[in-house]
Amino acid sequence: MLIMNHSNGPITIRSEFDFVKLAISFADLVASNPNEFKIIGLNGDLGAGKSLFVRTVIKRWGHKGNVPSPTYTLIESYDGLLEGIDTHHLDFYRLANKGTDNKAILFSIEELGFYDLKAKANSLFFIEWSNLAPEVERLADLIINIDVTINNNERRVTFFSANDCLAALISTHIINLKA
């Protein structure tokens, strides 16, 4: 996968408040360009903030109820949040821990209905631990890596995209955030 290469590097976040602000800004970017985003992968260690990021985006788009992590359910769906687009939040962590056999992981992803939902034109996916299923991660329009520093006081958030137009859009947005 080609990566988005912007000169500003990762965004360094020094508080949970700023991390939530980044997620809100990202939610607004996606809402302004809903057809550019179909599959968004999120990677990072346990507790890095993947679910918090997605929860913040879904709440920003108007969902009033609880937004649980899909760690146990594997998938949580939210109908019509964004201009009639159904949003699906998946977590591949437990799938990969069923065993190391890649075919088993892909079979589990198929059982979840991922490919059926993906076939619908009005679907947007946030996939936590997308790196555990490279065949699915290759389909992603955007990968968000969240790295927590050793002292746990900072997060470094990096956006990657193989789509040059999307990479430029995000890069411009990131520059505006840093200003």
Protein backbone atom coordinates (compact mmCIF):
# COMPACT_ATOMS: atom_id res chain seq x y z
CA MET A 1 0.00 0.00 0.00
CA LEU A 2 1.30 3.46 -0.82
CA ILE A 3 1.37 5.74 2.15
CA MET A 4 0.39 9.34 2.41
CA ASN A 5 3.60 11.25 2.71
CA HIS A 6 3.21 14.71 4.11
CA SER A 7 6.05 16.79 5.51
CA ASN A 8 4.33 17.43 8.83
CA GLY A 9 4.62 13.82 10.03
CA PRO A 10 2.34 12.45 12.73
CA ILE A 11 0.16 14.70 14.82
CA THR A 12 1.31 14.68 18.44
CA ILE A 13 -1.58 14.80 20.90
CA ARG A 14 -0.81 15.65 24.52
CA SER A 15 -4.22 15.19 26.17
CA GLU A 16 -7.42 13.22 25.81
CA PHE A 17 -9.23 16.52 25.24
CA ASP A 18 -7.02 17.26 22.22
CA PHE A 19 -7.46 13.69 20.97
CA VAL A 20 -11.24 14.14 21.06
CA LYS A 21 -10.86 17.48 19.25
CA LEU A 22 -8.88 15.68 16.51
CA ALA A 23 -11.64 13.05 16.20
CA ILE A 24 -14.31 15.78 15.98
CA SER A 25 -12.34 17.57 13.28
CA PHE A 26 -11.95 14.28 11.40
CA ALA A 27 -15.70 13.63 11.73
CA ASP A 28 -16.38 17.02 10.16
CA LEU A 29 -13.92 16.29 7.34
CA VAL A 30 -15.64 12.99 6.54
CA ALA A 31 -19.09 14.62 6.78
CA SER A 32 -17.96 17.23 4.23
CA ASN A 33 -16.60 14.55 1.89
CA PRO A 34 -18.70 11.42 2.55
CA ASN A 35 -18.04 9.79 -0.81
CA GLU A 36 -14.25 9.84 -0.28
CA PHE A 37 -14.32 7.51 2.71
CA LYS A 38 -15.59 3.93 2.61
CA ILE A 39 -13.17 1.89 4.71
CA ILE A 40 -11.09 3.41 7.49
CA GLY A 41 -8.68 1.18 9.38
CA LEU A 42 -7.47 2.05 12.87
CA ASN A 43 -4.38 0.47 14.39
CA GLY A 44 -2.61 0.89 17.70
CA ASP A 45 -1.92 -0.96 20.92
CA LEU A 46 -4.63 -1.85 23.41
CA GLY A 47 -5.86 1.34 25.05
CA ALA A 48 -4.41 3.62 22.35
CA GLY A 49 -7.79 5.23 21.71
CA LYS A 50 -9.18 3.51 18.61
CA SER A 51 -12.67 3.05 20.11
CA LEU A 52 -12.64 6.54 21.63
CA PHE A 53 -11.82 8.00 18.22
CA VAL A 54 -14.69 6.16 16.49
CA ARG A 55 -17.10 6.81 19.37
CA THR A 56 -16.37 10.53 19.11
CA VAL A 57 -16.97 10.52 15.34
CA ILE A 58 -20.27 8.64 15.66
CA LYS A 59 -21.48 10.96 18.43
CA ARG A 60 -20.46 13.98 16.35
CA TRP A 61 -22.67 12.69 13.54
CA GLY A 62 -25.67 12.78 15.86
CA HIS A 63 -25.99 9.34 17.41
CA LYS A 64 -27.71 9.83 20.78
CA GLY A 65 -27.31 6.37 22.29
CA ASN A 66 -24.44 4.38 23.67
CA VAL A 67 -21.51 3.69 21.32
CA PRO A 68 -19.89 0.55 22.70
CA SER A 69 -16.59 -0.86 21.58
CA PRO A 70 -17.20 -3.80 19.24
CA THR A 71 -14.53 -5.86 21.03
CA TYR A 72 -17.06 -8.50 22.06
CA THR A 73 -19.82 -8.06 19.50
CA LEU A 74 -17.23 -7.70 16.67
CA ILE A 75 -19.52 -5.30 14.80
CA GLU A 76 -21.77 -2.40 15.78
CA SER A 77 -23.87 -0.69 13.10
CA TYR A 78 -25.46 2.76 13.01
CA ASP A 79 -28.02 3.40 10.29
CA GLY A 80 -28.17 6.61 8.28
CA LEU A 81 -26.02 8.82 10.48
CA LEU A 82 -24.35 10.65 7.65
CA GLU A 83 -26.47 11.61 4.63
CA GLY A 84 -28.13 8.18 4.63
CA ILE A 85 -24.83 6.33 4.93
CA ASP A 86 -24.78 3.36 7.28
CA THR A 87 -21.74 3.34 9.55
CA HIS A 88 -20.25 0.05 10.72
CA HIS A 89 -17.68 -0.21 13.50
CA LEU A 90 -15.74 -3.49 13.50
CA ASP A 91 -13.00 -4.89 15.70
CA PHE A 92 -10.73 -7.62 14.31
CA TYR A 93 -8.71 -8.18 17.51
CA ARG A 94 -10.62 -11.25 18.71
CA LEU A 95 -10.79 -12.71 15.21
CA ALA A 96 -7.04 -12.81 14.96
CA ASN A 97 -6.75 -14.29 18.42
CA LYS A 98 -8.88 -17.29 17.39
CA GLY A 99 -5.76 -18.59 15.72
CA THR A 100 -3.02 -17.55 13.42
CA ASP A 101 -4.50 -19.13 10.33
CA ASN A 102 -5.27 -16.30 7.90
CA LYS A 103 -7.99 -18.31 6.15
CA ALA A 104 -9.83 -18.66 9.47
CA ILE A 105 -9.64 -14.91 10.03
CA LEU A 106 -10.99 -14.17 6.55
CA PHE A 107 -13.77 -16.74 7.04
CA SER A 108 -14.74 -15.04 10.31
CA ILE A 109 -14.79 -11.66 8.58
CA GLU A 110 -17.05 -13.10 5.90
CA GLU A 111 -19.32 -14.60 8.59
CA LEU A 112 -19.68 -11.13 10.12
CA GLY A 113 -21.22 -10.02 6.85
CA PHE A 114 -18.42 -7.58 6.04
CA TYR A 115 -18.37 -8.35 2.32
CA ASP A 116 -22.17 -8.18 2.04
CA LEU A 117 -22.22 -4.82 3.81
CA LYS A 118 -19.28 -3.61 1.73
CA ALA A 119 -21.23 -4.38 -1.44
CA LYS A 120 -23.83 -1.79 -0.43
CA ALA A 121 -23.10 1.66 -1.84
CA ASN A 122 -24.16 3.44 1.35
CA SER A 123 -21.74 1.84 3.82
CA LEU A 124 -18.82 3.33 5.72
CA PHE A 125 -16.55 1.17 7.87
CA PHE A 126 -14.29 1.88 10.80
CA ILE A 127 -12.18 -1.23 11.39
CA GLU A 128 -10.10 -1.50 14.54
CA TRP A 129 -7.04 -3.72 14.24
CA SER A 130 -7.32 -3.72 10.44
CA ASN A 131 -3.64 -4.69 10.29
CA LEU A 132 -4.61 -8.16 11.54
CA ALA A 133 -6.40 -8.83 8.23
CA PRO A 134 -4.08 -7.51 5.48
CA GLU A 135 -6.49 -8.61 2.74
CA VAL A 136 -9.13 -6.30 4.20
CA GLU A 137 -6.69 -3.55 5.11
CA ARG A 138 -5.63 -3.33 1.46
CA LEU A 139 -9.21 -2.27 0.68
CA ALA A 140 -9.02 0.68 3.08
CA ASP A 141 -9.16 4.23 1.78
CA LEU A 142 -7.45 5.42 4.92
CA ILE A 143 -5.42 3.93 7.75
CA ILE A 144 -5.11 5.77 11.06
CA ASN A 145 -2.24 4.65 13.28
CA ILE A 146 -2.36 5.69 16.92
CA ASP A 147 0.88 5.26 18.85
CA VAL A 148 1.09 5.94 22.56
CA THR A 149 4.44 7.15 23.88
CA ILE A 150 6.28 5.19 26.55
CA ASN A 151 5.30 7.56 29.34
CA ASN A 152 1.67 7.36 28.15
CA ASN A 153 1.34 11.14 28.06
CA GLU A 154 1.19 11.53 24.29
CA ARG A 155 -0.42 9.93 21.29
CA ARG A 156 1.06 10.19 17.84
CA VAL A 157 -1.61 9.92 15.16
CA THR A 158 -0.61 9.26 11.56
CA PHE A 159 -2.92 9.11 8.55
CA PHE A 160 -2.05 6.92 5.54
CA SER A 161 -3.81 6.69 2.18
CA ALA A 162 -3.00 5.20 -1.22
CA ASN A 163 -5.45 7.66 -2.81
CA ASP A 164 -3.53 10.81 -3.78
CA CYS A 165 -6.63 13.04 -3.69
CA LEU A 166 -7.66 11.75 -0.28
CA ALA A 167 -4.09 12.06 1.01
CA ALA A 168 -3.98 15.70 -0.15
CA LEU A 169 -7.37 16.41 1.45
CA ILE A 170 -6.26 14.97 4.78
CA SER A 171 -2.85 16.59 4.61
CA THR A 172 -4.44 20.00 4.03
CA HIS A 173 -6.84 19.37 6.89
CA ILE A 174 -3.99 18.33 9.19
CA ILE A 175 -2.01 21.46 8.33
CA ASN A 176 -5.08 23.53 9.28
CA LEU A 177 -5.34 21.64 12.59
CA LYS A 178 -1.72 22.31 13.44
CA ALA A 179 -1.98 26.03 12.66
